[in-house]
């Protein structure tokens, strides 16, 4: 009897191992720009390695974002057996996984980091068709990180020097014009 039970357990391992998926998050765009105007974000890739079951994504969580306002961009795809979806971060569309808008008070060099956690389910077929729920897939996490660097401001001394030069040029041109009018 033990042999039969062991054989049943061992035969189930390949079937269970086939129902795996991968979730990857490329590195964030590290931006340099003015606080309050700079976006950065993440894209994602999901691959359903199952040869028979559909993968239905159900939830995505992230850690806390400090000095930034997060926006969830994730579109919760359903993947047929063997399918892959790859969505790069695009701030214009917007598309990807998440994006953040850096706050006005973000200190230079600040880093937001944490983990994105994806939850999913296995279905016997297309969930929008005749498929039915089989089981919850294991959650999978991917680390994230984004750093903020301010755009360097022009040097104050350089600006002051430029302003003095412009003022001197204006005064010189006015002097030439006044002399020309007086006939000197």
C-alpha atoms as a PDB file:
ATOM      1  CA  UNK A   1       0.000   0.000   0.000  1.00  0.00           C
ATOM      2  CA  UNK A   2       2.856   2.363   0.801  1.00  0.00           C
ATOM      3  CA  UNK A   3       4.370   1.687  -2.590  1.00  0.00           C
ATOM      4  CA  UNK A   4       1.111   2.653  -4.327  1.00  0.00           C
ATOM      5  CA  UNK A   5       0.802   5.851  -2.265  1.00  0.00           C
ATOM      6  CA  UNK A   6       4.422   6.752  -2.977  1.00  0.00           C
ATOM      7  CA  UNK A   7       3.926   6.102  -6.701  1.00  0.00           C
ATOM      8  CA  UNK A   8       0.843   8.355  -6.742  1.00  0.00           C
ATOM      9  CA  UNK A   9       2.702  11.160  -4.930  1.00  0.00           C
ATOM     10  CA  UNK A  10       5.730  10.893  -7.207  1.00  0.00           C
ATOM     11  CA  UNK A  11       3.596  10.891 -10.350  1.00  0.00           C
ATOM     12  CA  UNK A  12       1.892  14.099  -9.198  1.00  0.00           C
ATOM     13  CA  UNK A  13       5.205  15.981  -8.833  1.00  0.00           C
ATOM     14  CA  UNK A  14       5.861  16.464 -12.592  1.00  0.00           C
ATOM     15  CA  UNK A  15       2.289  17.671 -13.121  1.00  0.00           C
ATOM     16  CA  UNK A  16       2.576  20.167 -10.276  1.00  0.00           C
ATOM     17  CA  UNK A  17       6.042  21.291 -11.331  1.00  0.00           C
ATOM     18  CA  UNK A  18       4.791  22.085 -14.828  1.00  0.00           C
ATOM     19  CA  UNK A  19       2.379  24.664 -13.428  1.00  0.00           C
ATOM     20  CA  UNK A  20       4.881  27.383 -12.716  1.00  0.00           C
ATOM     21  CA  UNK A  21       5.251  30.929 -13.887  1.00  0.00           C
ATOM     22  CA  UNK A  22       7.948  33.574 -13.825  1.00  0.00           C
ATOM     23  CA  UNK A  23       7.512  37.233 -13.000  1.00  0.00           C
ATOM     24  CA  UNK A  24      10.393  39.624 -13.652  1.00  0.00           C
ATOM     25  CA  UNK A  25      10.735  43.352 -13.182  1.00  0.00           C
ATOM     26  CA  UNK A  26      13.539  45.152 -15.023  1.00  0.00           C
ATOM     27  CA  UNK A  27      15.436  47.847 -13.161  1.00  0.00           C
ATOM     28  CA  UNK A  28      13.642  51.158 -12.827  1.00  0.00           C
ATOM     29  CA  UNK A  29      14.540  54.114 -14.898  1.00  0.00           C
ATOM     30  CA  UNK A  30      16.731  56.267 -12.685  1.00  0.00           C
ATOM     31  CA  UNK A  31      15.779  59.837 -13.442  1.00  0.00           C
ATOM     32  CA  UNK A  32      17.366  63.199 -13.056  1.00  0.00           C
ATOM     33  CA  UNK A  33      15.048  66.153 -13.051  1.00  0.00           C
ATOM     34  CA  UNK A  34      13.117  68.628 -10.989  1.00  0.00           C
ATOM     35  CA  UNK A  35      11.117  67.272  -8.065  1.00  0.00           C
ATOM     36  CA  UNK A  36       7.378  67.250  -8.691  1.00  0.00           C
ATOM     37  CA  UNK A  37       7.890  66.807 -12.429  1.00  0.00           C
ATOM     38  CA  UNK A  38       9.937  63.608 -12.639  1.00  0.00           C
ATOM     39  CA  UNK A  39       8.329  60.229 -13.294  1.00  0.00           C
ATOM     40  CA  UNK A  40      10.011  56.874 -13.051  1.00  0.00           C
ATOM     41  CA  UNK A  41       8.554  53.412 -13.316  1.00  0.00           C
ATOM     42  CA  UNK A  42       8.852  49.735 -13.970  1.00  0.00           C
ATOM     43  CA  UNK A  43       7.809  47.387 -16.725  1.00  0.00           C
ATOM     44  CA  UNK A  44       7.283  43.655 -16.309  1.00  0.00           C
ATOM     45  CA  UNK A  45       7.488  40.237 -17.956  1.00  0.00           C
ATOM     46  CA  UNK A  46       5.330  37.235 -17.019  1.00  0.00           C
ATOM     47  CA  UNK A  47       5.792  33.789 -18.533  1.00  0.00           C
ATOM     48  CA  UNK A  48       3.282  30.956 -18.015  1.00  0.00           C
ATOM     49  CA  UNK A  49       5.406  27.785 -18.121  1.00  0.00           C
ATOM     50  CA  UNK A  50       2.387  25.482 -17.782  1.00  0.00           C
ATOM     51  CA  UNK A  51       1.679  23.275 -20.780  1.00  0.00           C
ATOM     52  CA  UNK A  52      -2.028  22.940 -19.969  1.00  0.00           C
ATOM     53  CA  UNK A  53      -3.312  25.585 -17.527  1.00  0.00           C
ATOM     54  CA  UNK A  54      -4.112  29.256 -17.919  1.00  0.00           C
ATOM     55  CA  UNK A  55      -2.513  31.752 -15.533  1.00  0.00           C
ATOM     56  CA  UNK A  56      -4.865  34.485 -14.285  1.00  0.00           C
ATOM     57  CA  UNK A  57      -3.186  37.367 -12.444  1.00  0.00           C
ATOM     58  CA  UNK A  58      -5.321  38.563  -9.528  1.00  0.00           C
ATOM     59  CA  UNK A  59      -3.389  40.973  -7.311  1.00  0.00           C
ATOM     60  CA  UNK A  60      -0.268  43.104  -7.211  1.00  0.00           C
ATOM     61  CA  UNK A  61       1.104  44.754  -4.089  1.00  0.00           C
ATOM     62  CA  UNK A  62       4.106  46.955  -3.453  1.00  0.00           C
ATOM     63  CA  UNK A  63       5.868  48.305  -0.430  1.00  0.00           C
ATOM     64  CA  UNK A  64       5.443  51.882   0.751  1.00  0.00           C
ATOM     65  CA  UNK A  65       6.726  54.654  -1.474  1.00  0.00           C
ATOM     66  CA  UNK A  66       8.276  57.602   0.361  1.00  0.00           C
ATOM     67  CA  UNK A  67       8.684  61.058  -1.191  1.00  0.00           C
ATOM     68  CA  UNK A  68       6.637  59.920  -4.178  1.00  0.00           C
ATOM     69  CA  UNK A  69       3.077  59.351  -5.371  1.00  0.00           C
ATOM     70  CA  UNK A  70       2.631  55.838  -6.844  1.00  0.00           C
ATOM     71  CA  UNK A  71       0.315  54.892  -9.696  1.00  0.00           C
ATOM     72  CA  UNK A  72      -0.589  51.269 -10.461  1.00  0.00           C
ATOM     73  CA  UNK A  73      -0.266  50.659 -14.231  1.00  0.00           C
ATOM     74  CA  UNK A  74      -0.539  46.855 -14.198  1.00  0.00           C
ATOM     75  CA  UNK A  75      -3.199  45.509 -16.588  1.00  0.00           C
ATOM     76  CA  UNK A  76      -3.739  42.076 -14.915  1.00  0.00           C
ATOM     77  CA  UNK A  77      -3.222  39.845 -17.970  1.00  0.00           C
ATOM     78  CA  UNK A  78      -4.505  36.282 -18.396  1.00  0.00           C
ATOM     79  CA  UNK A  79      -1.896  34.033 -20.005  1.00  0.00           C
ATOM     80  CA  UNK A  80      -2.611  30.948 -22.055  1.00  0.00           C
ATOM     81  CA  UNK A  81      -0.352  27.899 -21.530  1.00  0.00           C
ATOM     82  CA  UNK A  82       3.197  28.693 -22.679  1.00  0.00           C
ATOM     83  CA  UNK A  83       2.399  32.400 -23.254  1.00  0.00           C
ATOM     84  CA  UNK A  84       4.589  35.351 -22.294  1.00  0.00           C
ATOM     85  CA  UNK A  85       3.632  38.983 -21.868  1.00  0.00           C
ATOM     86  CA  UNK A  86       6.304  41.690 -21.832  1.00  0.00           C
ATOM     87  CA  UNK A  87       5.233  45.265 -21.047  1.00  0.00           C
ATOM     88  CA  UNK A  88       8.029  47.842 -20.835  1.00  0.00           C
ATOM     89  CA  UNK A  89       7.486  50.975 -18.760  1.00  0.00           C
ATOM     90  CA  UNK A  90       6.178  53.846 -20.888  1.00  0.00           C
ATOM     91  CA  UNK A  91       5.341  57.102 -19.090  1.00  0.00           C
ATOM     92  CA  UNK A  92       3.587  58.536 -22.156  1.00  0.00           C
ATOM     93  CA  UNK A  93       0.965  55.806 -22.664  1.00  0.00           C
ATOM     94  CA  UNK A  94       1.247  55.051 -19.590  1.00  0.00           C
ATOM     95  CA  UNK A  95       2.061  51.334 -19.551  1.00  0.00           C
ATOM     96  CA  UNK A  96       4.006  48.970 -17.331  1.00  0.00           C
ATOM     97  CA  UNK A  97       3.726  47.813 -13.736  1.00  0.00           C
ATOM     98  CA  UNK A  98       3.983  50.913 -11.523  1.00  0.00           C
ATOM     99  CA  UNK A  99       5.167  54.481 -11.820  1.00  0.00           C
ATOM    100  CA  UNK A 100       5.984  57.113  -9.246  1.00  0.00           C
ATOM    101  CA  UNK A 101       5.953  60.900  -9.360  1.00  0.00           C
ATOM    102  CA  UNK A 102       8.685  62.275  -7.121  1.00  0.00           C
ATOM    103  CA  UNK A 103       7.460  64.784  -4.499  1.00  0.00           C
ATOM    104  CA  UNK A 104       8.692  68.395  -4.393  1.00  0.00           C
ATOM    105  CA  UNK A 105      10.525  67.721  -1.100  1.00  0.00           C
ATOM    106  CA  UNK A 106      12.455  64.650  -2.295  1.00  0.00           C
ATOM    107  CA  UNK A 107      16.046  64.870  -1.085  1.00  0.00           C
ATOM    108  CA  UNK A 108      18.737  64.363  -3.745  1.00  0.00           C
ATOM    109  CA  UNK A 109      20.000  60.784  -3.800  1.00  0.00           C
ATOM    110  CA  UNK A 110      16.860  59.388  -2.147  1.00  0.00           C
ATOM    111  CA  UNK A 111      16.079  55.751  -3.048  1.00  0.00           C
ATOM    112  CA  UNK A 112      12.673  54.051  -3.033  1.00  0.00           C
ATOM    113  CA  UNK A 113      13.009  50.283  -2.757  1.00  0.00           C
ATOM    114  CA  UNK A 114      10.835  47.336  -1.814  1.00  0.00           C
ATOM    115  CA  UNK A 115       9.164  44.275  -3.328  1.00  0.00           C
ATOM    116  CA  UNK A 116       6.394  43.880  -5.885  1.00  0.00           C
ATOM    117  CA  UNK A 117       4.320  40.774  -5.024  1.00  0.00           C
ATOM    118  CA  UNK A 118       2.169  39.161  -7.725  1.00  0.00           C
ATOM    119  CA  UNK A 119      -0.718  36.812  -6.924  1.00  0.00           C
ATOM    120  CA  UNK A 120      -2.338  34.569  -9.529  1.00  0.00           C
ATOM    121  CA  UNK A 121      -4.605  31.561 -10.090  1.00  0.00           C
ATOM    122  CA  UNK A 122      -4.539  28.470 -12.296  1.00  0.00           C
ATOM    123  CA  UNK A 123      -7.542  27.868 -14.580  1.00  0.00           C
ATOM    124  CA  UNK A 124      -8.403  24.840 -16.736  1.00  0.00           C
ATOM    125  CA  UNK A 125      -9.044  27.052 -19.763  1.00  0.00           C
ATOM    126  CA  UNK A 126      -9.730  30.616 -20.806  1.00  0.00           C
ATOM    127  CA  UNK A 127     -11.310  32.343 -17.770  1.00  0.00           C
ATOM    128  CA  UNK A 128     -13.462  34.414 -20.147  1.00  0.00           C
ATOM    129  CA  UNK A 129     -14.606  31.236 -21.890  1.00  0.00           C
ATOM    130  CA  UNK A 130     -15.286  27.762 -20.539  1.00  0.00           C
ATOM    131  CA  UNK A 131     -12.320  27.631 -18.139  1.00  0.00           C
ATOM    132  CA  UNK A 132     -12.770  26.929 -14.468  1.00  0.00           C
ATOM    133  CA  UNK A 133     -10.716  27.746 -11.381  1.00  0.00           C
ATOM    134  CA  UNK A 134      -8.236  25.022 -10.388  1.00  0.00           C
ATOM    135  CA  UNK A 135      -6.047  26.448  -7.620  1.00  0.00           C
ATOM    136  CA  UNK A 136      -4.231  29.512  -6.365  1.00  0.00           C
ATOM    137  CA  UNK A 137      -0.757  29.850  -7.822  1.00  0.00           C
ATOM    138  CA  UNK A 138       2.071  30.643  -5.422  1.00  0.00           C
ATOM    139  CA  UNK A 139       2.777  34.333  -4.924  1.00  0.00           C
ATOM    140  CA  UNK A 140       6.021  35.569  -6.398  1.00  0.00           C
ATOM    141  CA  UNK A 141       7.961  38.702  -5.544  1.00  0.00           C
ATOM    142  CA  UNK A 142      10.442  40.912  -7.333  1.00  0.00           C
ATOM    143  CA  UNK A 143      12.572  43.620  -5.720  1.00  0.00           C
ATOM    144  CA  UNK A 144      12.424  47.185  -6.986  1.00  0.00           C
ATOM    145  CA  UNK A 145      14.507  50.290  -6.569  1.00  0.00           C
ATOM    146  CA  UNK A 146      14.451  53.821  -8.002  1.00  0.00           C
ATOM    147  CA  UNK A 147      16.718  56.701  -7.095  1.00  0.00           C
ATOM    148  CA  UNK A 148      16.189  60.420  -7.457  1.00  0.00           C
ATOM    149  CA  UNK A 149      18.834  62.899  -8.518  1.00  0.00           C
ATOM    150  CA  UNK A 150      18.078  66.582  -8.922  1.00  0.00           C
ATOM    151  CA  UNK A 151      18.949  68.485 -12.054  1.00  0.00           C
ATOM    152  CA  UNK A 152      21.946  70.665 -11.211  1.00  0.00           C
ATOM    153  CA  UNK A 153      21.051  74.341 -10.901  1.00  0.00           C
ATOM    154  CA  UNK A 154      23.272  76.834 -12.725  1.00  0.00           C
ATOM    155  CA  UNK A 155      25.816  78.369 -10.377  1.00  0.00           C
ATOM    156  CA  UNK A 156      24.575  81.536  -8.690  1.00  0.00           C
ATOM    157  CA  UNK A 157      27.901  83.295  -9.278  1.00  0.00           C
ATOM    158  CA  UNK A 158      27.741  82.463 -12.967  1.00  0.00           C
ATOM    159  CA  UNK A 159      24.236  83.861 -13.239  1.00  0.00           C
ATOM    160  CA  UNK A 160      25.195  87.028 -11.387  1.00  0.00           C
ATOM    161  CA  UNK A 161      28.215  87.484 -13.656  1.00  0.00           C
ATOM    162  CA  UNK A 162      26.064  86.991 -16.739  1.00  0.00           C
ATOM    163  CA  UNK A 163      23.539  89.549 -15.454  1.00  0.00           C
ATOM    164  CA  UNK A 164      26.314  92.109 -14.797  1.00  0.00           C
ATOM    165  CA  UNK A 165      27.762  91.513 -18.254  1.00  0.00           C
ATOM    166  CA  UNK A 166      24.342  92.006 -19.864  1.00  0.00           C
ATOM    167  CA  UNK A 167      23.775  95.196 -17.822  1.00  0.00           C
ATOM    168  CA  UNK A 168      27.178  96.544 -18.842  1.00  0.00           C
ATOM    169  CA  UNK A 169      26.478  95.789 -22.498  1.00  0.00           C
ATOM    170  CA  UNK A 170      23.110  97.571 -22.329  1.00  0.00           C
ATOM    171  CA  UNK A 171      24.749 100.620 -20.696  1.00  0.00           C
ATOM    172  CA  UNK A 172      27.499 100.676 -23.334  1.00  0.00           C
ATOM    173  CA  UNK A 173      24.978 100.527 -26.203  1.00  0.00           C
ATOM    174  CA  UNK A 174      22.921 103.310 -24.579  1.00  0.00           C
ATOM    175  CA  UNK A 175      26.050 105.441 -24.270  1.00  0.00           C
ATOM    176  CA  UNK A 176      26.888 104.934 -27.951  1.00  0.00           C
ATOM    177  CA  UNK A 177      23.310 105.782 -28.938  1.00  0.00           C
ATOM    178  CA  UNK A 178      23.285 108.938 -26.772  1.00  0.00           C
ATOM    179  CA  UNK A 179      26.604 110.085 -28.232  1.00  0.00           C
ATOM    180  CA  UNK A 180      25.368 109.505 -31.769  1.00  0.00           C
ATOM    181  CA  UNK A 181      22.218 111.561 -31.102  1.00  0.00           C
ATOM    182  CA  UNK A 182      24.294 114.462 -29.664  1.00  0.00           C
ATOM    183  CA  UNK A 183      26.607 114.286 -32.664  1.00  0.00           C
ATOM    184  CA  UNK A 184      29.727 113.429 -30.649  1.00  0.00           C
END
